[in-house]
Amino acid sequence: MSDFVVVARSDTRLTPPRGLAALIAVVSARYLARKPPATIEKHLRRISRAAKPASMDETLAAHKAVVTVSTRCSGRWCLDRSIAIALLLRMDGVWPEWHTGVCLLPFRAHAWVEVDGEPVGEPNGLKDNFQPLMTVCAGRAVS
């Protein structure tokens, strides 16, 4: 697994409302990603309350929308991307499993979203290499 994942930008055309929602999610994620980890977790836990679990199709569509509107999120900025996907899904009333974790040899940190335990938009082997440190699920948080 490489040090970072570059996600291919999508050529998908988004409807204006969906593109605007994705852009708002990306800008909000960029702001939140600058905060300390405990603050990020606190805010995401609060935002995820009363949300229903997201489906794989919904999460894939949100992933595609986020990387379509943001060059930054389609690059190595996994924290921004994962938060933006979660926020965009929350605008639809659902929430994925949001994770941050580490790989110790060599040390790397990563953030990603999952649905039913399966990482979305990530390379194979992610779960074998990274140990989750923070997880925020729909309607609850697990540390």
N, C-alpha and C. Protein backbone atom coordinates (compact mmCIF):
# COMPACT_ATOMS: atom_id res chain seq x y z
N MET A 1 0.85 -1.17 0.00
CA MET A 1 0.00 0.00 0.00
C MET A 1 0.90 1.23 0.00
N SER A 2 0.59 2.20 -0.81
CA SER A 2 1.41 3.40 -0.90
C SER A 2 1.17 4.31 0.30
N ASP A 3 1.97 5.34 0.43
CA ASP A 3 1.84 6.27 1.54
C ASP A 3 0.55 7.07 1.49
N PHE A 4 0.02 7.25 0.32
CA PHE A 4 -1.27 7.91 0.20
C PHE A 4 -2.00 7.39 -1.01
N VAL A 5 -3.28 7.61 -1.01
CA VAL A 5 -4.14 7.12 -2.08
C VAL A 5 -4.55 8.30 -2.93
N VAL A 6 -4.36 8.20 -4.21
CA VAL A 6 -4.85 9.22 -5.13
C VAL A 6 -6.08 8.64 -5.79
N VAL A 7 -7.20 9.31 -5.60
CA VAL A 7 -8.46 8.87 -6.15
C VAL A 7 -8.67 9.54 -7.50
N ALA A 8 -8.99 8.75 -8.49
CA ALA A 8 -9.22 9.31 -9.82
C ALA A 8 -10.40 10.28 -9.77
N ARG A 9 -10.20 11.46 -10.32
CA ARG A 9 -11.30 12.42 -10.38
C ARG A 9 -12.39 11.87 -11.27
N SER A 10 -13.59 12.15 -10.92
CA SER A 10 -14.73 11.63 -11.66
C SER A 10 -15.12 12.61 -12.75
N ASP A 11 -15.52 12.08 -13.89
CA ASP A 11 -16.05 12.91 -14.96
C ASP A 11 -17.56 13.07 -14.85
N THR A 12 -18.10 12.59 -13.76
CA THR A 12 -19.54 12.65 -13.53
C THR A 12 -20.01 14.09 -13.48
N ARG A 13 -21.11 14.36 -14.13
CA ARG A 13 -21.74 15.67 -14.07
C ARG A 13 -22.75 15.62 -12.94
N LEU A 14 -22.61 16.53 -12.00
CA LEU A 14 -23.54 16.60 -10.87
C LEU A 14 -24.61 17.62 -11.16
N THR A 15 -25.81 17.37 -10.66
CA THR A 15 -26.85 18.38 -10.77
C THR A 15 -26.41 19.58 -9.93
N PRO A 16 -26.84 20.79 -10.29
CA PRO A 16 -26.41 21.96 -9.52
C PRO A 16 -26.67 21.85 -8.01
N PRO A 17 -27.84 21.36 -7.57
CA PRO A 17 -28.02 21.25 -6.12
C PRO A 17 -27.05 20.25 -5.48
N ARG A 18 -26.80 19.13 -6.14
CA ARG A 18 -25.89 18.13 -5.58
C ARG A 18 -24.45 18.63 -5.59
N GLY A 19 -24.06 19.31 -6.66
CA GLY A 19 -22.73 19.88 -6.72
C GLY A 19 -22.50 20.93 -5.65
N LEU A 20 -23.51 21.77 -5.41
CA LEU A 20 -23.42 22.78 -4.36
C LEU A 20 -23.34 22.13 -2.99
N ALA A 21 -24.15 21.10 -2.75
CA ALA A 21 -24.10 20.39 -1.47
C ALA A 21 -22.73 19.76 -1.26
N ALA A 22 -22.16 19.17 -2.31
CA ALA A 22 -20.84 18.56 -2.20
C ALA A 22 -19.79 19.62 -1.91
N LEU A 23 -19.90 20.76 -2.55
CA LEU A 23 -18.95 21.84 -2.32
C LEU A 23 -19.05 22.37 -0.89
N ILE A 24 -20.25 22.52 -0.38
CA ILE A 24 -20.44 22.95 1.02
C ILE A 24 -19.84 21.92 1.97
N ALA A 25 -20.03 20.64 1.68
CA ALA A 25 -19.45 19.58 2.52
C ALA A 25 -17.93 19.64 2.49
N VAL A 26 -17.34 19.88 1.32
CA VAL A 26 -15.88 19.95 1.20
C VAL A 26 -15.32 21.14 1.97
N VAL A 27 -15.95 22.30 1.84
CA VAL A 27 -15.48 23.50 2.55
C VAL A 27 -15.62 23.30 4.06
N SER A 28 -16.73 22.74 4.49
CA SER A 28 -16.93 22.47 5.92
C SER A 28 -15.92 21.46 6.43
N ALA A 29 -15.64 20.44 5.64
CA ALA A 29 -14.66 19.42 6.04
C ALA A 29 -13.27 20.03 6.15
N ARG A 30 -12.93 20.90 5.24
CA ARG A 30 -11.62 21.56 5.28
C ARG A 30 -11.46 22.34 6.57
N TYR A 31 -12.50 23.04 6.97
CA TYR A 31 -12.48 23.80 8.23
C TYR A 31 -12.35 22.86 9.43
N LEU A 32 -13.16 21.81 9.46
CA LEU A 32 -13.16 20.88 10.59
C LEU A 32 -11.86 20.09 10.68
N ALA A 33 -11.25 19.75 9.55
CA ALA A 33 -10.02 18.96 9.53
C ALA A 33 -8.84 19.70 10.15
N ARG A 34 -8.94 20.99 10.29
CA ARG A 34 -7.86 21.78 10.91
C ARG A 34 -7.92 21.74 12.43
N LYS A 35 -8.97 21.19 13.00
CA LYS A 35 -9.16 21.15 14.45
C LYS A 35 -8.43 19.95 15.05
N PRO A 36 -8.23 19.95 16.38
CA PRO A 36 -7.62 18.80 17.05
C PRO A 36 -8.52 17.56 16.92
N PRO A 37 -7.92 16.37 16.98
CA PRO A 37 -8.70 15.14 16.82
C PRO A 37 -9.91 15.02 17.75
N ALA A 38 -9.77 15.40 19.01
CA ALA A 38 -10.89 15.30 19.95
C ALA A 38 -12.04 16.22 19.53
N THR A 39 -11.71 17.37 19.00
CA THR A 39 -12.75 18.31 18.54
C THR A 39 -13.45 17.76 17.30
N ILE A 40 -12.67 17.19 16.40
CA ILE A 40 -13.27 16.58 15.20
C ILE A 40 -14.25 15.49 15.61
N GLU A 41 -13.81 14.61 16.50
CA GLU A 41 -14.67 13.51 16.94
C GLU A 41 -15.93 14.03 17.62
N LYS A 42 -15.78 15.04 18.48
CA LYS A 42 -16.93 15.61 19.19
C LYS A 42 -17.96 16.16 18.20
N HIS A 43 -17.49 16.92 17.22
CA HIS A 43 -18.41 17.51 16.24
C HIS A 43 -19.06 16.43 15.37
N LEU A 44 -18.28 15.46 14.91
CA LEU A 44 -18.86 14.40 14.08
C LEU A 44 -19.86 13.56 14.86
N ARG A 45 -19.56 13.30 16.14
CA ARG A 45 -20.50 12.55 16.98
C ARG A 45 -21.83 13.31 17.09
N ARG A 46 -21.74 14.62 17.29
CA ARG A 46 -22.94 15.44 17.41
C ARG A 46 -23.72 15.47 16.08
N ILE A 47 -23.01 15.61 14.98
CA ILE A 47 -23.66 15.68 13.67
C ILE A 47 -24.32 14.36 13.30
N SER A 48 -23.71 13.25 13.72
CA SER A 48 -24.23 11.93 13.32
C SER A 48 -25.44 11.47 14.14
N ARG A 49 -25.77 12.17 15.20
CA ARG A 49 -26.92 11.77 16.02
C ARG A 49 -28.18 11.70 15.19
N ALA A 50 -28.99 10.71 15.46
CA ALA A 50 -30.30 10.50 14.84
C ALA A 50 -30.23 10.21 13.34
N ALA A 51 -29.04 9.95 12.82
CA ALA A 51 -28.91 9.59 11.40
C ALA A 51 -29.10 8.09 11.24
N LYS A 52 -29.60 7.72 10.09
CA LYS A 52 -29.72 6.31 9.75
C LYS A 52 -28.42 5.86 9.09
N PRO A 53 -28.07 4.58 9.17
CA PRO A 53 -26.86 4.11 8.50
C PRO A 53 -26.96 4.28 6.98
N ALA A 54 -25.89 4.70 6.36
CA ALA A 54 -25.86 4.89 4.91
C ALA A 54 -25.71 3.55 4.20
N SER A 55 -26.24 3.47 2.99
CA SER A 55 -26.06 2.27 2.17
C SER A 55 -24.78 2.42 1.35
N MET A 56 -24.34 1.33 0.77
CA MET A 56 -23.14 1.35 -0.07
C MET A 56 -23.34 2.26 -1.28
N ASP A 57 -24.52 2.19 -1.92
CA ASP A 57 -24.79 3.03 -3.09
C ASP A 57 -24.75 4.52 -2.74
N GLU A 58 -25.37 4.88 -1.60
CA GLU A 58 -25.36 6.28 -1.17
C GLU A 58 -23.94 6.77 -0.89
N THR A 59 -23.15 5.92 -0.26
CA THR A 59 -21.79 6.30 0.10
C THR A 59 -20.90 6.40 -1.14
N LEU A 60 -21.06 5.48 -2.07
CA LEU A 60 -20.29 5.57 -3.33
C LEU A 60 -20.65 6.84 -4.09
N ALA A 61 -21.94 7.18 -4.12
CA ALA A 61 -22.37 8.41 -4.81
C ALA A 61 -21.79 9.65 -4.13
N ALA A 62 -21.76 9.66 -2.80
CA ALA A 62 -21.19 10.80 -2.07
C ALA A 62 -19.69 10.88 -2.31
N HIS A 63 -19.02 9.75 -2.32
CA HIS A 63 -17.58 9.72 -2.60
C HIS A 63 -17.30 10.31 -3.98
N LYS A 64 -18.06 9.87 -4.96
CA LYS A 64 -17.88 10.36 -6.32
C LYS A 64 -18.15 11.87 -6.41
N ALA A 65 -19.18 12.35 -5.72
CA ALA A 65 -19.51 13.78 -5.74
C ALA A 65 -18.39 14.60 -5.10
N VAL A 66 -17.86 14.13 -3.98
CA VAL A 66 -16.80 14.87 -3.28
C VAL A 66 -15.53 14.95 -4.13
N VAL A 67 -15.11 13.85 -4.73
CA VAL A 67 -13.88 13.90 -5.54
C VAL A 67 -14.11 14.60 -6.87
N THR A 68 -15.36 14.75 -7.29
CA THR A 68 -15.67 15.50 -8.50
C THR A 68 -15.49 16.99 -8.28
N VAL A 69 -15.90 17.50 -7.12
CA VAL A 69 -15.84 18.95 -6.89
C VAL A 69 -14.54 19.40 -6.24
N SER A 70 -13.71 18.47 -5.77
CA SER A 70 -12.51 18.88 -5.03
C SER A 70 -11.27 18.12 -5.48
N THR A 71 -10.31 18.86 -6.03
CA THR A 71 -9.02 18.28 -6.36
C THR A 71 -8.31 17.83 -5.09
N ARG A 72 -8.41 18.60 -4.05
CA ARG A 72 -7.78 18.27 -2.78
C ARG A 72 -8.29 16.92 -2.26
N CYS A 73 -9.59 16.73 -2.29
CA CYS A 73 -10.17 15.49 -1.78
C CYS A 73 -9.89 14.29 -2.68
N SER A 74 -9.54 14.53 -3.93
CA SER A 74 -9.21 13.41 -4.80
C SER A 74 -7.73 13.05 -4.69
N GLY A 75 -7.00 13.80 -3.89
CA GLY A 75 -5.58 13.55 -3.68
C GLY A 75 -5.32 12.89 -2.35
N ARG A 76 -4.22 13.27 -1.72
CA ARG A 76 -3.77 12.61 -0.51
C ARG A 76 -4.44 13.08 0.77
N TRP A 77 -5.38 13.98 0.69
CA TRP A 77 -6.00 14.56 1.88
C TRP A 77 -7.18 13.71 2.34
N CYS A 78 -6.88 12.56 2.90
CA CYS A 78 -7.91 11.58 3.28
C CYS A 78 -8.82 12.09 4.40
N LEU A 79 -8.29 12.89 5.31
CA LEU A 79 -9.13 13.39 6.40
C LEU A 79 -10.20 14.32 5.84
N ASP A 80 -9.79 15.25 4.98
CA ASP A 80 -10.78 16.13 4.34
C ASP A 80 -11.81 15.33 3.56
N ARG A 81 -11.35 14.35 2.79
CA ARG A 81 -12.24 13.55 1.95
C ARG A 81 -13.24 12.77 2.81
N SER A 82 -12.76 12.09 3.83
CA SER A 82 -13.65 11.26 4.64
C SER A 82 -14.68 12.11 5.39
N ILE A 83 -14.27 13.26 5.91
CA ILE A 83 -15.21 14.14 6.59
C ILE A 83 -16.23 14.70 5.60
N ALA A 84 -15.77 15.11 4.43
CA ALA A 84 -16.69 15.66 3.42
C ALA A 84 -17.72 14.62 2.99
N ILE A 85 -17.30 13.38 2.80
CA ILE A 85 -18.25 12.32 2.43
C ILE A 85 -19.28 12.14 3.53
N ALA A 86 -18.82 12.09 4.78
CA ALA A 86 -19.75 11.92 5.90
C ALA A 86 -20.73 13.10 5.99
N LEU A 87 -20.23 14.32 5.83
CA LEU A 87 -21.11 15.49 5.91
C LEU A 87 -22.12 15.53 4.77
N LEU A 88 -21.67 15.17 3.57
CA LEU A 88 -22.59 15.14 2.43
C LEU A 88 -23.69 14.10 2.65
N LEU A 89 -23.31 12.95 3.17
CA LEU A 89 -24.32 11.92 3.47
C LEU A 89 -25.28 12.40 4.56
N ARG A 90 -24.75 13.13 5.54
CA ARG A 90 -25.62 13.62 6.62
C ARG A 90 -26.66 14.59 6.09
N MET A 91 -26.32 15.34 5.04
CA MET A 91 -27.30 16.23 4.42
C MET A 91 -28.47 15.44 3.86
N ASP A 92 -28.26 14.16 3.57
CA ASP A 92 -29.31 13.28 3.08
C ASP A 92 -29.96 12.47 4.20
N GLY A 93 -29.56 12.73 5.46
CA GLY A 93 -30.17 12.06 6.60
C GLY A 93 -29.54 10.73 6.98
N VAL A 94 -28.41 10.41 6.37
CA VAL A 94 -27.74 9.13 6.68
C VAL A 94 -26.29 9.41 7.09
N TRP A 95 -25.63 8.37 7.60
CA TRP A 95 -24.25 8.52 8.07
C TRP A 95 -23.50 7.22 7.82
N PRO A 96 -22.26 7.29 7.33
CA PRO A 96 -21.44 6.08 7.17
C PRO A 96 -20.72 5.79 8.49
N GLU A 97 -19.94 4.73 8.51
CA GLU A 97 -19.02 4.51 9.63
C GLU A 97 -17.77 5.31 9.28
N TRP A 98 -17.43 6.31 10.08
CA TRP A 98 -16.27 7.17 9.82
C TRP A 98 -15.13 6.71 10.71
N HIS A 99 -13.94 6.54 10.13
CA HIS A 99 -12.80 6.03 10.88
C HIS A 99 -11.55 6.84 10.64
N THR A 100 -10.71 6.91 11.67
CA THR A 100 -9.31 7.30 11.51
C THR A 100 -8.50 6.20 12.15
N GLY A 101 -7.33 5.96 11.61
CA GLY A 101 -6.51 4.89 12.15
C GLY A 101 -5.07 5.03 11.74
N VAL A 102 -4.26 4.10 12.21
CA VAL A 102 -2.83 4.13 11.94
C VAL A 102 -2.32 2.77 11.50
N CYS A 103 -1.22 2.80 10.78
CA CYS A 103 -0.43 1.63 10.44
C CYS A 103 0.92 1.89 11.09
N LEU A 104 1.45 0.92 11.84
CA LEU A 104 2.67 1.17 12.59
C LEU A 104 3.96 0.96 11.82
N LEU A 105 3.98 0.02 10.88
CA LEU A 105 5.22 -0.27 10.15
C LEU A 105 5.01 -0.17 8.64
N PRO A 106 5.45 0.84 7.96
CA PRO A 106 5.93 2.09 8.51
C PRO A 106 4.76 2.92 9.03
N PHE A 107 5.05 3.86 9.91
CA PHE A 107 3.96 4.63 10.49
C PHE A 107 3.26 5.46 9.43
N ARG A 108 1.93 5.31 9.37
CA ARG A 108 1.07 6.10 8.50
C ARG A 108 -0.26 6.30 9.20
N ALA A 109 -0.88 7.41 8.96
CA ALA A 109 -2.23 7.67 9.47
C ALA A 109 -3.16 7.77 8.27
N HIS A 110 -4.43 7.42 8.48
CA HIS A 110 -5.39 7.45 7.39
C HIS A 110 -6.79 7.66 7.96
N ALA A 111 -7.67 8.21 7.16
CA ALA A 111 -9.08 8.39 7.52
C ALA A 111 -9.91 7.87 6.36
N TRP A 112 -11.03 7.18 6.67
CA TRP A 112 -11.84 6.58 5.64
C TRP A 112 -13.26 6.38 6.13
N VAL A 113 -14.16 6.06 5.21
CA VAL A 113 -15.53 5.72 5.57
C VAL A 113 -15.80 4.28 5.16
N GLU A 114 -16.70 3.65 5.90
CA GLU A 114 -17.09 2.27 5.64
C GLU A 114 -18.60 2.16 5.66
N VAL A 115 -19.08 1.10 5.01
CA VAL A 115 -20.49 0.71 5.08
C VAL A 115 -20.49 -0.78 5.37
N ASP A 116 -21.16 -1.18 6.42
CA ASP A 116 -21.22 -2.59 6.82
C ASP A 116 -19.84 -3.21 6.91
N GLY A 117 -18.88 -2.45 7.44
CA GLY A 117 -17.53 -2.96 7.62
C GLY A 117 -16.65 -2.98 6.39
N GLU A 118 -17.15 -2.49 5.26
CA GLU A 118 -16.37 -2.47 4.01
C GLU A 118 -15.95 -1.04 3.68
N PRO A 119 -14.63 -0.78 3.56
CA PRO A 119 -14.18 0.56 3.18
C PRO A 119 -14.71 0.96 1.80
N VAL A 120 -15.07 2.22 1.66
CA VAL A 120 -15.63 2.73 0.41
C VAL A 120 -14.60 3.62 -0.28
N GLY A 121 -14.29 3.29 -1.54
CA GLY A 121 -13.36 4.09 -2.32
C GLY A 121 -11.92 3.97 -1.88
N GLU A 122 -11.58 2.89 -1.23
CA GLU A 122 -10.23 2.67 -0.72
C GLU A 122 -9.63 1.42 -1.37
N PRO A 123 -8.29 1.33 -1.39
CA PRO A 123 -7.67 0.15 -1.98
C PRO A 123 -7.89 -1.09 -1.12
N ASN A 124 -7.79 -2.24 -1.76
CA ASN A 124 -7.90 -3.50 -1.02
C ASN A 124 -6.77 -3.58 0.00
N GLY A 125 -7.03 -4.23 1.11
CA GLY A 125 -6.01 -4.40 2.13
C GLY A 125 -5.98 -3.31 3.18
N LEU A 126 -6.86 -2.33 3.07
CA LEU A 126 -6.88 -1.24 4.04
C LEU A 126 -7.10 -1.77 5.45
N LYS A 127 -8.06 -2.65 5.61
CA LYS A 127 -8.39 -3.17 6.94
C LYS A 127 -7.28 -4.05 7.49
N ASP A 128 -6.47 -4.64 6.62
CA ASP A 128 -5.36 -5.46 7.08
C ASP A 128 -4.20 -4.61 7.59
N ASN A 129 -4.08 -3.39 7.08
CA ASN A 129 -2.93 -2.54 7.38
C ASN A 129 -3.19 -1.49 8.44
N PHE A 130 -4.42 -1.03 8.60
CA PHE A 130 -4.72 0.08 9.50
C PHE A 130 -5.56 -0.36 10.68
N GLN A 131 -5.15 0.09 11.86
CA GLN A 131 -5.90 -0.16 13.09
C GLN A 131 -6.72 1.09 13.41
N PRO A 132 -8.05 0.99 13.43
CA PRO A 132 -8.86 2.18 13.74
C PRO A 132 -8.60 2.72 15.15
N LEU A 133 -8.50 4.03 15.25
CA LEU A 133 -8.35 4.69 16.55
C LEU A 133 -9.61 5.42 16.95
N MET A 134 -10.30 6.03 15.99
CA MET A 134 -11.56 6.72 16.24
C MET A 134 -12.58 6.21 15.24
N THR A 135 -13.77 5.96 15.73
CA THR A 135 -14.87 5.52 14.88
C THR A 135 -16.12 6.27 15.30
N VAL A 136 -16.82 6.83 14.32
CA VAL A 136 -18.10 7.48 14.60
C VAL A 136 -19.13 6.83 13.69
N CYS A 137 -20.10 6.18 14.31
CA CYS A 137 -21.15 5.48 13.57
C CYS A 137 -22.46 6.25 13.63
N ALA A 138 -23.41 5.85 12.83
CA ALA A 138 -24.71 6.51 12.80
C ALA A 138 -25.37 6.44 14.17
N GLY A 139 -25.73 7.60 14.69
CA GLY A 139 -26.47 7.66 15.93
C GLY A 139 -25.68 7.40 17.20
N ARG A 140 -24.41 7.06 17.09
CA ARG A 140 -23.59 6.81 18.27
C ARG A 140 -22.12 6.96 17.90
N ALA A 141 -21.27 6.96 18.90
CA ALA A 141 -19.82 7.04 18.65
C ALA A 141 -19.12 5.97 19.47
N VAL A 142 -18.08 5.42 18.89
CA VAL A 142 -17.26 4.42 19.55
C VAL A 142 -15.83 4.92 19.51
N SER A 143 -15.13 4.92 20.64
CA SER A 143 -13.73 5.38 20.66
C SER A 143 -12.80 4.21 20.84
